[in-house]
Amino acid sequence: MSRLQYFSYPGFGEEKYEELWYSQAVRVGDTIQISGQGGWDPTTSKVHSDLNAEIDQAFSNVELALKTAGGKGWEEVYKINIYATEMGEAAMAALVRNLRRWCPRHRPILTAVGVKELGLEGMRVEIEVAAYVKDN
């Protein structure tokens, strides 16, 4: 088995690494898996109050976590799990808009699950992905 390599990006990632004892990403051979990324500002750790901004930031944080682990970002993502406290029309529209923006040339497999609450106060969306990084 390949050696596990763990990564946490500056700011929020390093803060949670110390506070909650977990990493933002793990690389195993040709695969990167990331922990759930929410709509927090990676510098201030504050979750956006606007739903669209929160979802946009969560997608951006996925990109940050993947690149911190040595990946190219969303272009290598093949699997997405989304957990959301709001699954209404506005949330779905924002999710689809971001999928089209970040994955314009491919359509990863996707599971979206409605949940009662998430790990941080005020958080309404959390995105977890797996990426294949053979050429990196």
N, C-alpha and C. Protein backbone atom coordinates (compact mmCIF):
# COMPACT_ATOMS: atom_id res chain seq x y z
N MET A 1 0.84 -1.19 0.00
CA MET A 1 0.00 0.00 0.00
C MET A 1 0.88 1.25 0.00
N SER A 2 0.42 2.28 -0.67
CA SER A 2 1.15 3.54 -0.73
C SER A 2 1.18 4.22 0.63
N ARG A 3 2.20 4.99 0.85
CA ARG A 3 2.30 5.79 2.07
C ARG A 3 1.28 6.92 2.02
N LEU A 4 0.59 7.14 3.12
CA LEU A 4 -0.39 8.22 3.19
C LEU A 4 0.31 9.55 3.41
N GLN A 5 -0.09 10.56 2.65
CA GLN A 5 0.43 11.91 2.82
C GLN A 5 -0.76 12.81 3.15
N TYR A 6 -0.66 13.54 4.26
CA TYR A 6 -1.74 14.40 4.71
C TYR A 6 -1.38 15.87 4.48
N PHE A 7 -2.42 16.68 4.21
CA PHE A 7 -2.22 18.09 3.89
C PHE A 7 -3.29 18.95 4.54
N SER A 8 -2.90 20.15 4.95
CA SER A 8 -3.83 21.16 5.44
C SER A 8 -3.39 22.51 4.91
N TYR A 9 -4.32 23.26 4.32
CA TYR A 9 -3.95 24.56 3.77
C TYR A 9 -3.84 25.61 4.87
N PRO A 10 -3.12 26.71 4.59
CA PRO A 10 -2.94 27.78 5.59
C PRO A 10 -4.28 28.36 6.05
N GLY A 11 -4.28 28.89 7.25
CA GLY A 11 -5.49 29.51 7.80
C GLY A 11 -6.40 28.46 8.41
N PHE A 12 -7.62 28.37 7.87
CA PHE A 12 -8.62 27.45 8.39
C PHE A 12 -8.09 26.02 8.51
N GLY A 13 -7.44 25.54 7.47
CA GLY A 13 -6.94 24.16 7.47
C GLY A 13 -5.97 23.88 8.60
N GLU A 14 -4.99 24.77 8.77
CA GLU A 14 -4.02 24.59 9.86
C GLU A 14 -4.68 24.76 11.23
N GLU A 15 -5.65 25.68 11.31
CA GLU A 15 -6.38 25.89 12.56
C GLU A 15 -7.12 24.62 12.99
N LYS A 16 -7.84 24.01 12.05
CA LYS A 16 -8.61 22.79 12.37
C LYS A 16 -7.69 21.59 12.58
N TYR A 17 -6.54 21.58 11.92
CA TYR A 17 -5.55 20.52 12.12
C TYR A 17 -5.16 20.46 13.59
N GLU A 18 -4.93 21.63 14.18
CA GLU A 18 -4.55 21.69 15.59
C GLU A 18 -5.76 21.52 16.53
N GLU A 19 -6.83 22.24 16.23
CA GLU A 19 -8.00 22.27 17.12
C GLU A 19 -8.79 20.97 17.13
N LEU A 20 -9.05 20.43 15.94
CA LEU A 20 -9.94 19.26 15.83
C LEU A 20 -9.24 17.98 15.39
N TRP A 21 -7.92 18.03 15.21
CA TRP A 21 -7.11 16.84 14.95
C TRP A 21 -7.46 16.13 13.65
N TYR A 22 -7.63 16.92 12.56
CA TYR A 22 -7.84 16.30 11.26
C TYR A 22 -7.18 17.12 10.16
N SER A 23 -6.99 16.50 9.01
CA SER A 23 -6.35 17.14 7.85
C SER A 23 -7.40 17.47 6.80
N GLN A 24 -7.06 18.38 5.90
CA GLN A 24 -7.97 18.77 4.83
C GLN A 24 -7.92 17.80 3.65
N ALA A 25 -6.80 17.10 3.48
CA ALA A 25 -6.68 16.19 2.34
C ALA A 25 -5.70 15.07 2.66
N VAL A 26 -5.89 13.96 1.95
CA VAL A 26 -4.96 12.84 2.04
C VAL A 26 -4.70 12.34 0.62
N ARG A 27 -3.44 12.05 0.36
CA ARG A 27 -3.06 11.50 -0.94
C ARG A 27 -2.59 10.07 -0.73
N VAL A 28 -3.19 9.18 -1.50
CA VAL A 28 -2.82 7.77 -1.48
C VAL A 28 -2.54 7.38 -2.93
N GLY A 29 -1.27 7.23 -3.26
CA GLY A 29 -0.92 6.88 -4.63
C GLY A 29 -1.42 7.92 -5.61
N ASP A 30 -2.31 7.48 -6.52
CA ASP A 30 -2.82 8.33 -7.59
C ASP A 30 -4.15 9.00 -7.24
N THR A 31 -4.52 9.01 -5.96
CA THR A 31 -5.81 9.56 -5.55
C THR A 31 -5.63 10.58 -4.43
N ILE A 32 -6.41 11.65 -4.52
CA ILE A 32 -6.52 12.61 -3.42
C ILE A 32 -7.97 12.59 -2.96
N GLN A 33 -8.16 12.47 -1.66
CA GLN A 33 -9.50 12.61 -1.07
C GLN A 33 -9.43 13.77 -0.10
N ILE A 34 -10.48 14.57 -0.09
CA ILE A 34 -10.47 15.71 0.82
C ILE A 34 -11.60 15.60 1.83
N SER A 35 -11.36 16.20 2.99
CA SER A 35 -12.42 16.28 3.99
C SER A 35 -13.46 17.27 3.49
N GLY A 36 -14.64 17.24 4.07
CA GLY A 36 -15.70 18.12 3.64
C GLY A 36 -15.29 19.58 3.72
N GLN A 37 -15.49 20.30 2.63
CA GLN A 37 -15.17 21.72 2.57
C GLN A 37 -16.45 22.53 2.60
N GLY A 38 -16.51 23.47 3.53
CA GLY A 38 -17.67 24.33 3.66
C GLY A 38 -17.39 25.70 3.08
N GLY A 39 -18.36 26.58 3.23
CA GLY A 39 -18.26 27.92 2.69
C GLY A 39 -17.61 28.91 3.63
N TRP A 40 -16.53 28.52 4.27
CA TRP A 40 -15.80 29.40 5.17
C TRP A 40 -14.70 30.13 4.40
N ASP A 41 -14.41 31.33 4.85
CA ASP A 41 -13.28 32.07 4.33
C ASP A 41 -12.03 31.39 4.90
N PRO A 42 -11.10 30.93 4.05
CA PRO A 42 -9.95 30.20 4.57
C PRO A 42 -9.02 31.05 5.44
N THR A 43 -9.12 32.36 5.34
CA THR A 43 -8.27 33.24 6.15
C THR A 43 -8.91 33.57 7.49
N THR A 44 -10.21 33.91 7.49
CA THR A 44 -10.88 34.33 8.73
C THR A 44 -11.65 33.20 9.41
N SER A 45 -11.90 32.11 8.71
CA SER A 45 -12.67 30.95 9.18
C SER A 45 -14.16 31.25 9.33
N LYS A 46 -14.62 32.41 8.89
CA LYS A 46 -16.04 32.75 9.00
C LYS A 46 -16.82 32.18 7.83
N VAL A 47 -17.99 31.61 8.14
CA VAL A 47 -18.88 31.05 7.11
C VAL A 47 -19.70 32.19 6.52
N HIS A 48 -19.78 32.23 5.20
CA HIS A 48 -20.57 33.26 4.52
C HIS A 48 -22.03 33.16 4.93
N SER A 49 -22.67 34.28 5.16
CA SER A 49 -24.09 34.27 5.55
C SER A 49 -25.01 34.15 4.33
N ASP A 50 -24.56 34.59 3.17
CA ASP A 50 -25.34 34.48 1.94
C ASP A 50 -25.16 33.07 1.36
N LEU A 51 -26.24 32.38 1.05
CA LEU A 51 -26.18 30.99 0.59
C LEU A 51 -25.35 30.85 -0.69
N ASN A 52 -25.56 31.74 -1.67
CA ASN A 52 -24.79 31.66 -2.92
C ASN A 52 -23.30 31.84 -2.66
N ALA A 53 -22.94 32.81 -1.84
CA ALA A 53 -21.54 33.05 -1.51
C ALA A 53 -20.94 31.86 -0.76
N GLU A 54 -21.74 31.26 0.12
CA GLU A 54 -21.27 30.10 0.88
C GLU A 54 -20.97 28.92 -0.06
N ILE A 55 -21.87 28.67 -0.99
CA ILE A 55 -21.67 27.56 -1.93
C ILE A 55 -20.49 27.85 -2.85
N ASP A 56 -20.39 29.08 -3.35
CA ASP A 56 -19.24 29.46 -4.19
C ASP A 56 -17.93 29.25 -3.44
N GLN A 57 -17.90 29.66 -2.18
CA GLN A 57 -16.68 29.53 -1.38
C GLN A 57 -16.35 28.06 -1.10
N ALA A 58 -17.36 27.24 -0.87
CA ALA A 58 -17.12 25.81 -0.65
C ALA A 58 -16.45 25.18 -1.86
N PHE A 59 -16.92 25.51 -3.06
CA PHE A 59 -16.29 25.00 -4.28
C PHE A 59 -14.86 25.50 -4.40
N SER A 60 -14.63 26.76 -4.07
CA SER A 60 -13.28 27.33 -4.10
C SER A 60 -12.38 26.63 -3.08
N ASN A 61 -12.91 26.31 -1.91
CA ASN A 61 -12.13 25.62 -0.89
C ASN A 61 -11.76 24.20 -1.31
N VAL A 62 -12.63 23.56 -2.09
CA VAL A 62 -12.29 22.24 -2.65
C VAL A 62 -11.05 22.38 -3.54
N GLU A 63 -11.07 23.38 -4.41
CA GLU A 63 -9.93 23.63 -5.29
C GLU A 63 -8.65 23.86 -4.47
N LEU A 64 -8.75 24.66 -3.43
CA LEU A 64 -7.61 24.96 -2.56
C LEU A 64 -7.08 23.69 -1.90
N ALA A 65 -7.96 22.87 -1.36
CA ALA A 65 -7.53 21.63 -0.70
C ALA A 65 -6.85 20.69 -1.69
N LEU A 66 -7.41 20.55 -2.88
CA LEU A 66 -6.82 19.67 -3.89
C LEU A 66 -5.43 20.15 -4.32
N LYS A 67 -5.31 21.44 -4.56
CA LYS A 67 -4.02 21.98 -4.99
C LYS A 67 -2.98 21.93 -3.86
N THR A 68 -3.42 22.10 -2.62
CA THR A 68 -2.51 21.98 -1.48
C THR A 68 -1.92 20.57 -1.41
N ALA A 69 -2.71 19.58 -1.83
CA ALA A 69 -2.27 18.19 -1.81
C ALA A 69 -1.51 17.79 -3.09
N GLY A 70 -1.25 18.76 -3.96
CA GLY A 70 -0.48 18.48 -5.16
C GLY A 70 -1.29 18.15 -6.40
N GLY A 71 -2.60 18.31 -6.32
CA GLY A 71 -3.45 18.06 -7.48
C GLY A 71 -3.58 19.30 -8.36
N LYS A 72 -4.30 19.13 -9.46
CA LYS A 72 -4.55 20.24 -10.39
C LYS A 72 -5.86 20.93 -10.09
N GLY A 73 -6.66 20.36 -9.20
CA GLY A 73 -7.93 20.97 -8.86
C GLY A 73 -9.12 20.18 -9.38
N TRP A 74 -10.22 20.91 -9.61
CA TRP A 74 -11.48 20.29 -10.01
C TRP A 74 -11.38 19.45 -11.28
N GLU A 75 -10.47 19.75 -12.16
CA GLU A 75 -10.38 19.00 -13.43
C GLU A 75 -10.08 17.52 -13.21
N GLU A 76 -9.57 17.16 -12.04
CA GLU A 76 -9.24 15.76 -11.75
C GLU A 76 -10.29 15.06 -10.87
N VAL A 77 -11.32 15.78 -10.48
CA VAL A 77 -12.34 15.22 -9.60
C VAL A 77 -13.23 14.24 -10.36
N TYR A 78 -13.42 13.05 -9.78
CA TYR A 78 -14.30 12.07 -10.39
C TYR A 78 -15.51 11.73 -9.51
N LYS A 79 -15.47 12.11 -8.23
CA LYS A 79 -16.56 11.78 -7.32
C LYS A 79 -16.82 12.94 -6.37
N ILE A 80 -18.10 13.28 -6.19
CA ILE A 80 -18.48 14.38 -5.30
C ILE A 80 -19.59 13.90 -4.36
N ASN A 81 -19.43 14.20 -3.07
CA ASN A 81 -20.50 14.03 -2.08
C ASN A 81 -20.81 15.40 -1.53
N ILE A 82 -22.08 15.79 -1.59
CA ILE A 82 -22.52 17.08 -1.07
C ILE A 82 -23.51 16.83 0.04
N TYR A 83 -23.28 17.48 1.17
CA TYR A 83 -24.18 17.42 2.31
C TYR A 83 -24.72 18.83 2.51
N ALA A 84 -26.03 18.97 2.59
CA ALA A 84 -26.61 20.31 2.68
C ALA A 84 -27.82 20.33 3.59
N THR A 85 -27.93 21.42 4.35
CA THR A 85 -29.10 21.60 5.21
C THR A 85 -30.25 22.24 4.43
N GLU A 86 -29.94 22.81 3.28
CA GLU A 86 -30.96 23.40 2.40
C GLU A 86 -30.83 22.76 1.03
N MET A 87 -31.89 22.10 0.59
CA MET A 87 -31.87 21.41 -0.70
C MET A 87 -32.89 22.02 -1.67
N GLY A 88 -33.29 23.25 -1.41
CA GLY A 88 -34.29 23.91 -2.23
C GLY A 88 -33.75 24.34 -3.59
N GLU A 89 -34.61 25.00 -4.33
CA GLU A 89 -34.30 25.42 -5.69
C GLU A 89 -33.07 26.33 -5.76
N ALA A 90 -32.97 27.30 -4.85
CA ALA A 90 -31.84 28.23 -4.86
C ALA A 90 -30.52 27.50 -4.61
N ALA A 91 -30.51 26.59 -3.67
CA ALA A 91 -29.29 25.83 -3.37
C ALA A 91 -28.90 24.96 -4.56
N MET A 92 -29.88 24.28 -5.15
CA MET A 92 -29.58 23.41 -6.30
C MET A 92 -29.07 24.23 -7.48
N ALA A 93 -29.65 25.39 -7.71
CA ALA A 93 -29.19 26.25 -8.81
C ALA A 93 -27.74 26.67 -8.59
N ALA A 94 -27.39 27.02 -7.36
CA ALA A 94 -26.02 27.43 -7.05
C ALA A 94 -25.06 26.25 -7.20
N LEU A 95 -25.47 25.07 -6.79
CA LEU A 95 -24.63 23.88 -6.94
C LEU A 95 -24.38 23.57 -8.41
N VAL A 96 -25.43 23.58 -9.22
CA VAL A 96 -25.29 23.29 -10.65
C VAL A 96 -24.43 24.36 -11.33
N ARG A 97 -24.65 25.62 -10.99
CA ARG A 97 -23.85 26.71 -11.56
C ARG A 97 -22.36 26.48 -11.28
N ASN A 98 -22.04 26.09 -10.05
CA ASN A 98 -20.64 25.83 -9.70
C ASN A 98 -20.09 24.58 -10.37
N LEU A 99 -20.89 23.54 -10.49
CA LEU A 99 -20.43 22.34 -11.20
C LEU A 99 -20.08 22.68 -12.65
N ARG A 100 -20.90 23.47 -13.28
CA ARG A 100 -20.63 23.88 -14.68
C ARG A 100 -19.38 24.75 -14.76
N ARG A 101 -19.19 25.60 -13.77
CA ARG A 101 -18.01 26.47 -13.77
C ARG A 101 -16.73 25.67 -13.53
N TRP A 102 -16.72 24.83 -12.49
CA TRP A 102 -15.50 24.15 -12.08
C TRP A 102 -15.22 22.86 -12.86
N CYS A 103 -16.26 22.27 -13.48
CA CYS A 103 -16.09 21.01 -14.24
C CYS A 103 -16.66 21.18 -15.65
N PRO A 104 -16.16 22.12 -16.43
CA PRO A 104 -16.77 22.39 -17.73
C PRO A 104 -16.58 21.27 -18.77
N ARG A 105 -15.55 20.43 -18.58
CA ARG A 105 -15.25 19.40 -19.57
C ARG A 105 -15.54 17.98 -19.12
N HIS A 106 -16.07 17.84 -17.90
CA HIS A 106 -16.43 16.50 -17.43
C HIS A 106 -17.54 16.61 -16.40
N ARG A 107 -18.20 15.50 -16.15
CA ARG A 107 -19.31 15.45 -15.21
C ARG A 107 -19.05 14.33 -14.20
N PRO A 108 -18.45 14.69 -13.05
CA PRO A 108 -18.15 13.68 -12.03
C PRO A 108 -19.42 13.01 -11.50
N ILE A 109 -19.26 11.84 -10.91
CA ILE A 109 -20.40 11.22 -10.24
C ILE A 109 -20.71 12.03 -8.99
N LEU A 110 -21.97 12.04 -8.60
CA LEU A 110 -22.42 12.95 -7.54
C LEU A 110 -23.46 12.30 -6.66
N THR A 111 -23.32 12.51 -5.36
CA THR A 111 -24.35 12.16 -4.39
C THR A 111 -24.60 13.42 -3.57
N ALA A 112 -25.87 13.81 -3.46
CA ALA A 112 -26.25 14.97 -2.64
C ALA A 112 -27.22 14.49 -1.58
N VAL A 113 -26.92 14.83 -0.33
CA VAL A 113 -27.70 14.35 0.80
C VAL A 113 -28.16 15.55 1.63
N GLY A 114 -29.45 15.59 1.94
CA GLY A 114 -29.98 16.60 2.85
C GLY A 114 -29.75 16.14 4.29
N VAL A 115 -29.24 17.04 5.12
CA VAL A 115 -28.95 16.73 6.51
C VAL A 115 -29.55 17.81 7.41
N LYS A 116 -29.69 17.47 8.68
CA LYS A 116 -30.27 18.42 9.64
C LYS A 116 -29.30 19.55 9.97
N GLU A 117 -28.03 19.21 10.23
CA GLU A 117 -27.03 20.24 10.52
C GLU A 117 -25.65 19.72 10.18
N LEU A 118 -24.70 20.67 10.07
CA LEU A 118 -23.32 20.35 9.74
C LEU A 118 -22.41 20.77 10.89
N GLY A 119 -21.12 20.51 10.75
CA GLY A 119 -20.17 20.66 11.84
C GLY A 119 -19.90 22.04 12.39
N LEU A 120 -20.05 23.08 11.58
CA LEU A 120 -19.82 24.43 12.07
C LEU A 120 -21.12 25.21 12.12
N GLU A 121 -21.25 26.04 13.12
CA GLU A 121 -22.46 26.85 13.27
C GLU A 121 -22.66 27.72 12.03
N GLY A 122 -23.89 27.70 11.51
CA GLY A 122 -24.23 28.51 10.34
C GLY A 122 -23.90 27.87 9.01
N MET A 123 -23.20 26.76 9.01
CA MET A 123 -22.81 26.10 7.76
C MET A 123 -24.00 25.36 7.17
N ARG A 124 -24.23 25.56 5.87
CA ARG A 124 -25.36 24.91 5.19
C ARG A 124 -24.95 23.95 4.09
N VAL A 125 -23.68 23.95 3.72
CA VAL A 125 -23.21 23.04 2.68
C VAL A 125 -21.80 22.56 3.00
N GLU A 126 -21.55 21.30 2.66
CA GLU A 126 -20.22 20.70 2.83
C GLU A 126 -19.98 19.80 1.62
N ILE A 127 -18.81 19.95 1.00
CA ILE A 127 -18.49 19.22 -0.22
C ILE A 127 -17.23 18.40 -0.01
N GLU A 128 -17.35 17.12 -0.31
CA GLU A 128 -16.25 16.16 -0.17
C GLU A 128 -16.01 15.57 -1.56
N VAL A 129 -14.75 15.48 -1.99
CA VAL A 129 -14.48 14.93 -3.33
C VAL A 129 -13.33 13.94 -3.30
N ALA A 130 -13.23 13.19 -4.38
CA ALA A 130 -12.09 12.33 -4.65
C ALA A 130 -11.58 12.68 -6.05
N ALA A 131 -10.26 12.73 -6.21
CA ALA A 131 -9.66 13.10 -7.49
C ALA A 131 -8.59 12.08 -7.87
N TYR A 132 -8.51 11.80 -9.16
CA TYR A 132 -7.49 10.91 -9.71
C TYR A 132 -6.36 11.78 -10.26
N VAL A 133 -5.15 11.59 -9.75
CA VAL A 133 -4.04 12.49 -10.06
C VAL A 133 -2.85 11.75 -10.68
N LYS A 134 -3.12 10.84 -11.57
CA LYS A 134 -2.08 9.98 -12.15
C LYS A 134 -0.90 10.76 -12.72
N ASP A 135 -1.14 11.85 -13.41
CA ASP A 135 -0.06 12.57 -14.11
C ASP A 135 0.68 13.57 -13.25
N ASN A 136 0.33 13.70 -11.98
CA ASN A 136 0.98 14.71 -11.12
C ASN A 136 2.15 14.12 -10.38
